[in-house]
């Protein structure tokens, strides 16, 4: 991973639909070089895919919430079944397995409070291992996900930073 790869990643996160020729011109490299670099980033798994950013309100999803979940049983079977169930609920946008007071944090989008209640009280609460939950409504989005931080020193070795032997 060099500085050009970092610039490519930043550009792709800002606009994944940018044409290869435009990206090459912007970063001042040959289109063939750009194509090879992007393909390498994709094949190595650093670039996992491309998506459109959709306005949830235009889809009628006006409520966003975070739901913390604690399981009542922590054996492998309950964890596996709970996670499988979460993956099948399309309104769960993201799910994180945590340390600390809660076992999971779910990010949910719903049409309204009624649908959110059904999701939490019926769909999520009926999953194997479910113990209890706490729901936090989002009033507004202060900062949206604009991609991963790609810093020049993030990819530097410790020797380059002066920490080598």
N, C-alpha and C. Protein backbone atom coordinates (compact mmCIF):
# COMPACT_ATOMS: atom_id res chain seq x y z
N UNK A 1 0.86 -1.18 0.00
CA UNK A 1 0.00 0.00 0.00
C UNK A 1 0.90 1.23 0.00
N UNK A 2 0.85 1.98 -1.05
CA UNK A 2 1.65 3.20 -1.13
C UNK A 2 0.72 4.42 -1.19
N UNK A 3 1.33 5.60 -1.38
CA UNK A 3 0.54 6.84 -1.39
C UNK A 3 -0.48 6.86 -2.53
N UNK A 4 -0.14 6.30 -3.68
CA UNK A 4 -1.09 6.27 -4.79
C UNK A 4 -2.30 5.41 -4.43
N UNK A 5 -2.06 4.25 -3.83
CA UNK A 5 -3.18 3.40 -3.40
C UNK A 5 -4.07 4.15 -2.41
N UNK A 6 -3.46 4.89 -1.49
CA UNK A 6 -4.22 5.66 -0.52
C UNK A 6 -5.08 6.71 -1.22
N UNK A 7 -4.52 7.40 -2.21
CA UNK A 7 -5.27 8.42 -2.95
C UNK A 7 -6.41 7.77 -3.74
N UNK A 8 -6.14 6.59 -4.29
CA UNK A 8 -7.19 5.87 -5.02
C UNK A 8 -8.34 5.53 -4.08
N UNK A 9 -8.02 5.00 -2.91
CA UNK A 9 -9.06 4.64 -1.93
C UNK A 9 -9.87 5.86 -1.52
N UNK A 10 -9.20 6.98 -1.27
CA UNK A 10 -9.92 8.20 -0.90
C UNK A 10 -10.86 8.63 -2.02
N UNK A 11 -10.38 8.59 -3.26
CA UNK A 11 -11.19 9.00 -4.40
C UNK A 11 -12.37 8.06 -4.60
N UNK A 12 -12.16 6.75 -4.46
CA UNK A 12 -13.25 5.79 -4.64
C UNK A 12 -14.30 5.91 -3.54
N UNK A 13 -13.87 6.20 -2.31
CA UNK A 13 -14.84 6.40 -1.24
C UNK A 13 -15.68 7.64 -1.49
N UNK A 14 -15.08 8.67 -2.07
CA UNK A 14 -15.82 9.91 -2.35
C UNK A 14 -16.79 9.72 -3.51
N UNK A 15 -16.39 8.90 -4.50
CA UNK A 15 -17.23 8.67 -5.67
C UNK A 15 -16.84 7.35 -6.33
N UNK A 16 -17.55 6.30 -5.99
CA UNK A 16 -17.27 4.98 -6.53
C UNK A 16 -17.63 4.83 -8.00
N UNK A 17 -18.37 5.77 -8.54
CA UNK A 17 -18.79 5.70 -9.95
C UNK A 17 -17.83 6.44 -10.89
N UNK A 18 -16.78 7.00 -10.33
CA UNK A 18 -15.84 7.75 -11.16
C UNK A 18 -15.21 6.83 -12.19
N UNK A 19 -15.17 7.27 -13.42
CA UNK A 19 -14.58 6.48 -14.51
C UNK A 19 -13.08 6.35 -14.33
N UNK A 20 -12.54 5.23 -14.80
CA UNK A 20 -11.12 4.96 -14.69
C UNK A 20 -10.29 6.09 -15.30
N UNK A 21 -10.67 6.55 -16.48
CA UNK A 21 -9.91 7.61 -17.15
C UNK A 21 -9.92 8.90 -16.34
N UNK A 22 -11.06 9.23 -15.75
CA UNK A 22 -11.15 10.45 -14.93
C UNK A 22 -10.32 10.32 -13.67
N UNK A 23 -10.35 9.15 -13.05
CA UNK A 23 -9.57 8.90 -11.86
C UNK A 23 -8.08 8.97 -12.18
N UNK A 24 -7.68 8.39 -13.30
CA UNK A 24 -6.27 8.42 -13.72
C UNK A 24 -5.82 9.85 -13.97
N UNK A 25 -6.64 10.63 -14.64
CA UNK A 25 -6.29 12.02 -14.92
C UNK A 25 -6.18 12.82 -13.62
N UNK A 26 -7.14 12.60 -12.71
CA UNK A 26 -7.14 13.31 -11.43
C UNK A 26 -5.88 13.01 -10.61
N UNK A 27 -5.43 11.77 -10.65
CA UNK A 27 -4.26 11.37 -9.85
C UNK A 27 -2.97 11.35 -10.66
N UNK A 28 -3.08 11.79 -11.91
CA UNK A 28 -1.92 11.97 -12.78
C UNK A 28 -1.13 10.68 -13.01
N UNK A 29 -1.87 9.62 -13.39
CA UNK A 29 -1.22 8.35 -13.78
C UNK A 29 -1.90 7.86 -15.06
N UNK A 30 -1.26 6.92 -15.72
CA UNK A 30 -1.82 6.35 -16.95
C UNK A 30 -3.09 5.56 -16.63
N UNK A 31 -4.09 5.58 -17.52
CA UNK A 31 -5.30 4.79 -17.29
C UNK A 31 -5.02 3.30 -17.06
N UNK A 32 -4.03 2.74 -17.75
CA UNK A 32 -3.69 1.32 -17.56
C UNK A 32 -3.15 1.08 -16.15
N UNK A 33 -2.37 2.02 -15.64
CA UNK A 33 -1.85 1.91 -14.27
C UNK A 33 -3.00 1.98 -13.28
N UNK A 34 -3.92 2.92 -13.51
CA UNK A 34 -5.07 3.07 -12.61
C UNK A 34 -5.91 1.80 -12.60
N UNK A 35 -6.19 1.25 -13.78
CA UNK A 35 -7.00 0.05 -13.87
C UNK A 35 -6.34 -1.11 -13.11
N UNK A 36 -5.04 -1.27 -13.27
CA UNK A 36 -4.31 -2.35 -12.59
C UNK A 36 -4.34 -2.14 -11.08
N UNK A 37 -4.16 -0.90 -10.63
CA UNK A 37 -4.16 -0.61 -9.20
C UNK A 37 -5.53 -0.88 -8.58
N UNK A 38 -6.59 -0.42 -9.24
CA UNK A 38 -7.94 -0.63 -8.71
C UNK A 38 -8.25 -2.12 -8.67
N UNK A 39 -7.91 -2.85 -9.72
CA UNK A 39 -8.16 -4.29 -9.74
C UNK A 39 -7.40 -4.99 -8.61
N UNK A 40 -6.17 -4.56 -8.36
CA UNK A 40 -5.39 -5.16 -7.26
C UNK A 40 -6.04 -4.87 -5.91
N UNK A 41 -6.52 -3.63 -5.72
CA UNK A 41 -7.19 -3.30 -4.46
C UNK A 41 -8.48 -4.11 -4.28
N UNK A 42 -9.17 -4.38 -5.38
CA UNK A 42 -10.38 -5.19 -5.33
C UNK A 42 -10.05 -6.66 -5.05
N UNK A 43 -9.08 -7.20 -5.78
CA UNK A 43 -8.76 -8.63 -5.62
C UNK A 43 -8.14 -8.94 -4.26
N UNK A 44 -7.47 -7.96 -3.66
CA UNK A 44 -6.89 -8.18 -2.33
C UNK A 44 -7.94 -8.07 -1.23
N UNK A 45 -9.14 -7.60 -1.58
CA UNK A 45 -10.21 -7.48 -0.59
C UNK A 45 -10.24 -6.15 0.13
N UNK A 46 -9.32 -5.24 -0.20
CA UNK A 46 -9.36 -3.93 0.44
C UNK A 46 -10.61 -3.19 -0.02
N UNK A 47 -10.88 -3.21 -1.31
CA UNK A 47 -12.14 -2.68 -1.84
C UNK A 47 -13.08 -3.86 -1.96
N UNK A 48 -14.13 -3.84 -1.13
CA UNK A 48 -15.06 -4.97 -1.07
C UNK A 48 -16.25 -4.82 -2.01
N UNK A 49 -16.51 -3.64 -2.51
CA UNK A 49 -17.64 -3.43 -3.40
C UNK A 49 -17.97 -1.96 -3.50
N UNK A 50 -19.04 -1.67 -4.23
CA UNK A 50 -19.48 -0.30 -4.46
C UNK A 50 -20.98 -0.22 -4.19
N UNK A 51 -21.41 0.91 -3.61
CA UNK A 51 -22.82 1.08 -3.29
C UNK A 51 -23.27 2.50 -3.57
N UNK A 52 -24.57 2.63 -3.77
CA UNK A 52 -25.19 3.95 -3.86
C UNK A 52 -25.56 4.40 -2.45
N UNK A 53 -25.47 5.68 -2.20
CA UNK A 53 -25.91 6.25 -0.93
C UNK A 53 -27.34 6.72 -1.13
N UNK A 54 -28.26 6.11 -0.40
CA UNK A 54 -29.69 6.35 -0.60
C UNK A 54 -30.25 7.13 0.59
N UNK A 55 -31.12 8.06 0.30
CA UNK A 55 -31.78 8.84 1.34
C UNK A 55 -32.91 7.99 1.93
N UNK A 56 -32.80 7.56 3.20
CA UNK A 56 -33.82 6.68 3.78
C UNK A 56 -35.20 7.31 3.82
N UNK A 57 -35.29 8.62 4.01
CA UNK A 57 -36.60 9.28 4.06
C UNK A 57 -37.33 9.19 2.73
N UNK A 58 -36.60 9.17 1.63
CA UNK A 58 -37.22 9.04 0.30
C UNK A 58 -37.81 7.65 0.12
N UNK A 59 -37.38 6.69 0.94
CA UNK A 59 -37.93 5.33 0.93
C UNK A 59 -39.02 5.16 1.98
N UNK A 60 -39.30 6.25 2.72
CA UNK A 60 -40.32 6.18 3.76
C UNK A 60 -39.77 5.69 5.09
N UNK A 61 -38.47 5.58 5.23
CA UNK A 61 -37.85 5.14 6.48
C UNK A 61 -37.49 6.38 7.29
N UNK A 62 -38.42 6.83 8.11
CA UNK A 62 -38.27 8.11 8.81
C UNK A 62 -37.75 7.98 10.24
N UNK A 63 -37.66 6.75 10.74
CA UNK A 63 -37.19 6.52 12.12
C UNK A 63 -35.91 5.70 12.07
N UNK A 64 -34.89 6.22 12.77
CA UNK A 64 -33.67 5.46 12.94
C UNK A 64 -33.44 5.28 14.44
N UNK A 65 -32.98 4.10 14.79
CA UNK A 65 -32.80 3.81 16.21
C UNK A 65 -31.62 2.86 16.41
N UNK A 66 -31.10 2.88 17.61
CA UNK A 66 -30.09 1.93 18.04
C UNK A 66 -30.72 1.09 19.13
N UNK A 67 -30.58 -0.20 19.03
CA UNK A 67 -31.15 -1.10 20.02
C UNK A 67 -30.02 -1.94 20.60
N UNK A 68 -29.84 -1.82 21.91
CA UNK A 68 -28.85 -2.65 22.58
C UNK A 68 -29.56 -3.92 23.04
N UNK A 69 -28.89 -5.04 22.88
CA UNK A 69 -29.49 -6.33 23.23
C UNK A 69 -28.54 -7.09 24.14
N UNK A 70 -29.12 -7.67 25.19
CA UNK A 70 -28.39 -8.59 26.06
C UNK A 70 -29.02 -9.97 25.90
N UNK A 71 -28.19 -10.96 25.72
CA UNK A 71 -28.69 -12.33 25.63
C UNK A 71 -28.84 -12.90 27.03
N UNK A 72 -29.76 -13.83 27.18
CA UNK A 72 -29.91 -14.48 28.49
C UNK A 72 -29.04 -15.72 28.57
N UNK A 73 -28.62 -16.23 27.43
CA UNK A 73 -27.71 -17.38 27.38
C UNK A 73 -26.58 -17.04 26.44
N UNK A 74 -25.38 -17.43 26.81
CA UNK A 74 -24.20 -17.08 26.02
C UNK A 74 -23.48 -18.29 25.48
N UNK A 75 -24.21 -19.35 25.20
CA UNK A 75 -23.54 -20.51 24.61
C UNK A 75 -23.47 -20.32 23.09
N UNK A 76 -22.62 -21.09 22.45
CA UNK A 76 -22.35 -20.92 21.01
C UNK A 76 -23.61 -21.07 20.18
N UNK A 77 -24.49 -22.00 20.54
CA UNK A 77 -25.69 -22.24 19.75
C UNK A 77 -26.65 -21.04 19.79
N UNK A 78 -26.87 -20.46 20.97
CA UNK A 78 -27.75 -19.29 21.08
C UNK A 78 -27.15 -18.09 20.34
N UNK A 79 -25.85 -17.89 20.46
CA UNK A 79 -25.20 -16.79 19.76
C UNK A 79 -25.35 -16.96 18.26
N UNK A 80 -25.07 -18.15 17.75
CA UNK A 80 -25.17 -18.41 16.31
C UNK A 80 -26.59 -18.19 15.81
N UNK A 81 -27.58 -18.73 16.52
CA UNK A 81 -28.97 -18.58 16.09
C UNK A 81 -29.45 -17.13 16.18
N UNK A 82 -29.04 -16.42 17.22
CA UNK A 82 -29.40 -15.01 17.34
C UNK A 82 -28.83 -14.23 16.15
N UNK A 83 -27.56 -14.42 15.85
CA UNK A 83 -26.92 -13.70 14.76
C UNK A 83 -27.53 -14.06 13.40
N UNK A 84 -27.87 -15.32 13.19
CA UNK A 84 -28.55 -15.72 11.95
C UNK A 84 -29.89 -15.01 11.82
N UNK A 85 -30.63 -14.93 12.93
CA UNK A 85 -31.93 -14.26 12.91
C UNK A 85 -31.79 -12.78 12.60
N UNK A 86 -30.81 -12.13 13.18
CA UNK A 86 -30.57 -10.71 12.93
C UNK A 86 -30.27 -10.48 11.45
N UNK A 87 -29.46 -11.35 10.86
CA UNK A 87 -29.11 -11.20 9.43
C UNK A 87 -30.33 -11.28 8.52
N UNK A 88 -31.39 -11.94 8.97
CA UNK A 88 -32.60 -12.09 8.15
C UNK A 88 -33.57 -10.91 8.26
N UNK A 89 -33.33 -9.98 9.15
CA UNK A 89 -34.24 -8.84 9.34
C UNK A 89 -33.70 -7.67 8.50
N UNK A 90 -34.37 -7.34 7.41
CA UNK A 90 -33.83 -6.32 6.51
C UNK A 90 -33.76 -4.91 7.09
N UNK A 91 -34.54 -4.62 8.11
CA UNK A 91 -34.53 -3.29 8.70
C UNK A 91 -33.37 -3.10 9.67
N UNK A 92 -32.67 -4.16 10.01
CA UNK A 92 -31.46 -4.05 10.81
C UNK A 92 -30.34 -3.72 9.84
N UNK A 93 -29.88 -2.48 9.88
CA UNK A 93 -28.87 -2.01 8.93
C UNK A 93 -27.48 -2.49 9.30
N UNK A 94 -27.20 -2.61 10.60
CA UNK A 94 -25.90 -3.07 11.06
C UNK A 94 -26.08 -3.69 12.43
N UNK A 95 -25.21 -4.63 12.74
CA UNK A 95 -25.23 -5.29 14.05
C UNK A 95 -23.79 -5.50 14.48
N UNK A 96 -23.51 -5.11 15.71
CA UNK A 96 -22.16 -5.24 16.26
C UNK A 96 -22.21 -6.08 17.53
N UNK A 97 -21.35 -7.06 17.64
CA UNK A 97 -21.18 -7.86 18.84
C UNK A 97 -20.20 -7.11 19.72
N UNK A 98 -20.59 -6.82 20.96
CA UNK A 98 -19.84 -5.91 21.83
C UNK A 98 -19.27 -6.59 23.06
N UNK A 99 -18.35 -5.89 23.69
CA UNK A 99 -17.96 -6.21 25.06
C UNK A 99 -18.71 -5.23 25.95
N UNK A 100 -18.75 -5.51 27.24
CA UNK A 100 -19.37 -4.56 28.16
C UNK A 100 -20.78 -4.95 28.55
N UNK A 101 -21.56 -3.95 28.89
CA UNK A 101 -22.89 -4.12 29.45
C UNK A 101 -23.87 -4.82 28.51
N UNK A 102 -23.78 -4.57 27.22
CA UNK A 102 -24.67 -5.17 26.23
C UNK A 102 -23.89 -6.14 25.36
N UNK A 103 -24.59 -7.10 24.81
CA UNK A 103 -23.94 -8.08 23.93
C UNK A 103 -23.92 -7.61 22.48
N UNK A 104 -24.98 -6.89 22.07
CA UNK A 104 -25.10 -6.45 20.68
C UNK A 104 -25.63 -5.03 20.63
N UNK A 105 -25.24 -4.33 19.57
CA UNK A 105 -25.83 -3.03 19.26
C UNK A 105 -26.32 -3.10 17.83
N UNK A 106 -27.63 -2.84 17.65
CA UNK A 106 -28.25 -2.90 16.34
C UNK A 106 -28.58 -1.49 15.87
N UNK A 107 -28.35 -1.25 14.60
CA UNK A 107 -28.76 0.01 13.97
C UNK A 107 -29.95 -0.33 13.09
N UNK A 108 -31.09 0.30 13.38
CA UNK A 108 -32.35 -0.06 12.73
C UNK A 108 -32.95 1.16 12.03
N UNK A 109 -33.51 0.94 10.85
CA UNK A 109 -34.30 1.95 10.15
C UNK A 109 -35.72 1.41 10.04
N UNK A 110 -36.70 2.27 10.28
CA UNK A 110 -38.11 1.85 10.22
C UNK A 110 -38.96 2.97 9.62
N UNK A 111 -40.15 2.59 9.16
CA UNK A 111 -41.08 3.58 8.59
C UNK A 111 -41.57 4.56 9.66
N UNK A 112 -41.89 4.01 10.84
CA UNK A 112 -42.45 4.84 11.90
C UNK A 112 -42.23 4.13 13.24
N UNK A 113 -42.69 4.76 14.31
CA UNK A 113 -42.50 4.18 15.64
C UNK A 113 -43.25 2.85 15.80
N UNK A 114 -44.40 2.74 15.17
CA UNK A 114 -45.16 1.50 15.24
C UNK A 114 -44.34 0.33 14.65
N UNK A 115 -43.78 0.54 13.47
CA UNK A 115 -42.98 -0.52 12.87
C UNK A 115 -41.76 -0.81 13.72
N UNK A 116 -41.13 0.20 14.28
CA UNK A 116 -39.97 -0.02 15.15
C UNK A 116 -40.38 -0.89 16.34
N UNK A 117 -41.54 -0.58 16.93
CA UNK A 117 -42.03 -1.37 18.05
C UNK A 117 -42.23 -2.83 17.68
N UNK A 118 -42.80 -3.08 16.51
CA UNK A 118 -43.01 -4.45 16.04
C UNK A 118 -41.67 -5.15 15.83
N UNK A 119 -40.73 -4.44 15.23
CA UNK A 119 -39.40 -5.03 15.01
C UNK A 119 -38.75 -5.45 16.32
N UNK A 120 -38.80 -4.56 17.31
CA UNK A 120 -38.14 -4.83 18.59
C UNK A 120 -38.91 -5.86 19.40
N UNK A 121 -40.23 -5.65 19.57
CA UNK A 121 -41.01 -6.49 20.47
C UNK A 121 -41.35 -7.86 19.91
N UNK A 122 -41.45 -7.97 18.59
CA UNK A 122 -41.83 -9.26 18.02
C UNK A 122 -40.69 -9.97 17.31
N UNK A 123 -40.05 -9.28 16.36
CA UNK A 123 -39.02 -9.96 15.58
C UNK A 123 -37.73 -10.18 16.36
N UNK A 124 -37.19 -9.13 16.95
CA UNK A 124 -35.92 -9.25 17.65
C UNK A 124 -36.09 -10.00 18.97
N UNK A 125 -37.13 -9.67 19.73
CA UNK A 125 -37.35 -10.31 21.03
C UNK A 125 -37.66 -11.80 20.92
N UNK A 126 -38.08 -12.25 19.74
CA UNK A 126 -38.40 -13.68 19.58
C UNK A 126 -37.19 -14.51 19.14
N UNK A 127 -36.05 -13.87 18.94
CA UNK A 127 -34.86 -14.61 18.51
C UNK A 127 -34.29 -15.44 19.65
N UNK A 128 -33.70 -16.59 19.33
CA UNK A 128 -33.12 -17.46 20.36
C UNK A 128 -32.06 -16.72 21.19
N UNK A 129 -32.13 -16.89 22.49
CA UNK A 129 -31.15 -16.29 23.39
C UNK A 129 -31.46 -14.87 23.83
N UNK A 130 -32.47 -14.22 23.19
CA UNK A 130 -32.79 -12.83 23.53
C UNK A 130 -33.13 -12.73 25.01
N UNK A 131 -32.53 -11.75 25.68
CA UNK A 131 -32.80 -11.53 27.10
C UNK A 131 -33.55 -10.23 27.32
N UNK A 132 -32.91 -9.11 27.00
CA UNK A 132 -33.55 -7.81 27.16
C UNK A 132 -32.93 -6.83 26.18
N UNK A 133 -33.63 -5.70 25.99
CA UNK A 133 -33.13 -4.69 25.07
C UNK A 133 -33.42 -3.30 25.60
N UNK A 134 -32.72 -2.35 25.03
CA UNK A 134 -32.95 -0.94 25.32
C UNK A 134 -32.88 -0.22 23.98
N UNK A 135 -33.85 0.65 23.70
CA UNK A 135 -33.93 1.32 22.41
C UNK A 135 -33.62 2.80 22.56
N UNK A 136 -32.81 3.30 21.63
CA UNK A 136 -32.41 4.70 21.60
C UNK A 136 -32.81 5.28 20.25
N UNK A 137 -33.71 6.26 20.25
CA UNK A 137 -34.13 6.90 19.01
C UNK A 137 -33.12 7.95 18.59
N UNK A 138 -32.85 8.02 17.30
CA UNK A 138 -31.95 9.04 16.76
C UNK A 138 -32.78 10.27 16.37
N UNK A 139 -32.49 11.42 16.97
CA UNK A 139 -33.18 12.66 16.62
C UNK A 139 -32.71 13.16 15.26
N UNK A 140 -31.40 13.11 15.05
CA UNK A 140 -30.83 13.58 13.79
C UNK A 140 -29.47 12.94 13.59
N UNK A 141 -29.02 13.01 12.36
CA UNK A 141 -27.69 12.49 12.02
C UNK A 141 -26.74 13.67 11.96
N UNK A 142 -25.81 13.71 12.88
CA UNK A 142 -24.86 14.81 12.98
C UNK A 142 -23.72 14.63 11.99
N UNK A 143 -23.28 13.40 11.84
CA UNK A 143 -22.21 13.08 10.89
C UNK A 143 -22.53 11.73 10.28
N UNK A 144 -22.57 11.70 8.96
CA UNK A 144 -22.86 10.43 8.30
C UNK A 144 -21.56 9.70 7.98
N UNK A 145 -21.69 8.44 7.68
CA UNK A 145 -20.54 7.62 7.31
C UNK A 145 -20.04 8.08 5.96
N UNK A 146 -18.86 8.63 5.94
CA UNK A 146 -18.27 9.10 4.69
C UNK A 146 -17.09 8.25 4.27
N UNK A 147 -16.98 7.07 4.84
CA UNK A 147 -15.89 6.17 4.49
C UNK A 147 -14.88 6.04 5.61
N UNK A 148 -13.97 5.14 5.41
CA UNK A 148 -12.93 4.85 6.42
C UNK A 148 -11.84 5.91 6.35
N UNK A 149 -11.22 6.21 7.49
CA UNK A 149 -10.10 7.16 7.46
C UNK A 149 -8.91 6.53 6.75
N UNK A 150 -8.38 7.26 5.79
CA UNK A 150 -7.21 6.78 5.07
C UNK A 150 -6.14 7.84 5.26
N UNK A 151 -5.28 7.60 6.23
CA UNK A 151 -4.25 8.57 6.59
C UNK A 151 -2.92 8.09 6.05
N UNK A 152 -2.09 9.03 5.66
CA UNK A 152 -0.79 8.66 5.13
C UNK A 152 0.04 7.85 6.12
N UNK A 153 0.00 8.22 7.39
CA UNK A 153 0.83 7.51 8.37
C UNK A 153 0.19 6.20 8.84
N UNK A 154 -1.06 5.96 8.47
CA UNK A 154 -1.73 4.73 8.87
C UNK A 154 -1.04 3.50 8.28
N UNK A 155 -0.49 3.65 7.09
CA UNK A 155 0.10 2.53 6.39
C UNK A 155 1.62 2.53 6.46
N UNK A 156 2.21 3.46 7.19
CA UNK A 156 3.66 3.52 7.30
C UNK A 156 4.16 2.48 8.28
N UNK A 157 5.32 1.96 8.02
CA UNK A 157 5.91 1.00 8.95
C UNK A 157 6.49 1.75 10.15
N UNK A 158 6.75 1.04 11.22
CA UNK A 158 7.31 1.68 12.42
C UNK A 158 8.70 2.23 12.14
N UNK A 159 9.44 1.62 11.20
CA UNK A 159 10.77 2.12 10.86
C UNK A 159 10.67 3.48 10.19
N UNK A 160 9.66 3.66 9.31
CA UNK A 160 9.49 4.93 8.63
C UNK A 160 9.11 6.04 9.60
N UNK A 161 8.50 5.66 10.72
CA UNK A 161 8.09 6.65 11.72
C UNK A 161 9.21 6.93 12.71
N UNK A 162 10.34 6.25 12.55
CA UNK A 162 11.45 6.47 13.46
C UNK A 162 11.41 5.59 14.70
N UNK A 163 10.60 4.52 14.66
CA UNK A 163 10.50 3.63 15.81
C UNK A 163 11.26 2.34 15.61
N UNK A 164 11.99 2.23 14.54
CA UNK A 164 12.72 0.99 14.25
C UNK A 164 13.97 0.87 15.07
N UNK A 165 14.58 -0.33 15.03
CA UNK A 165 15.83 -0.56 15.80
C UNK A 165 17.03 -0.18 15.00
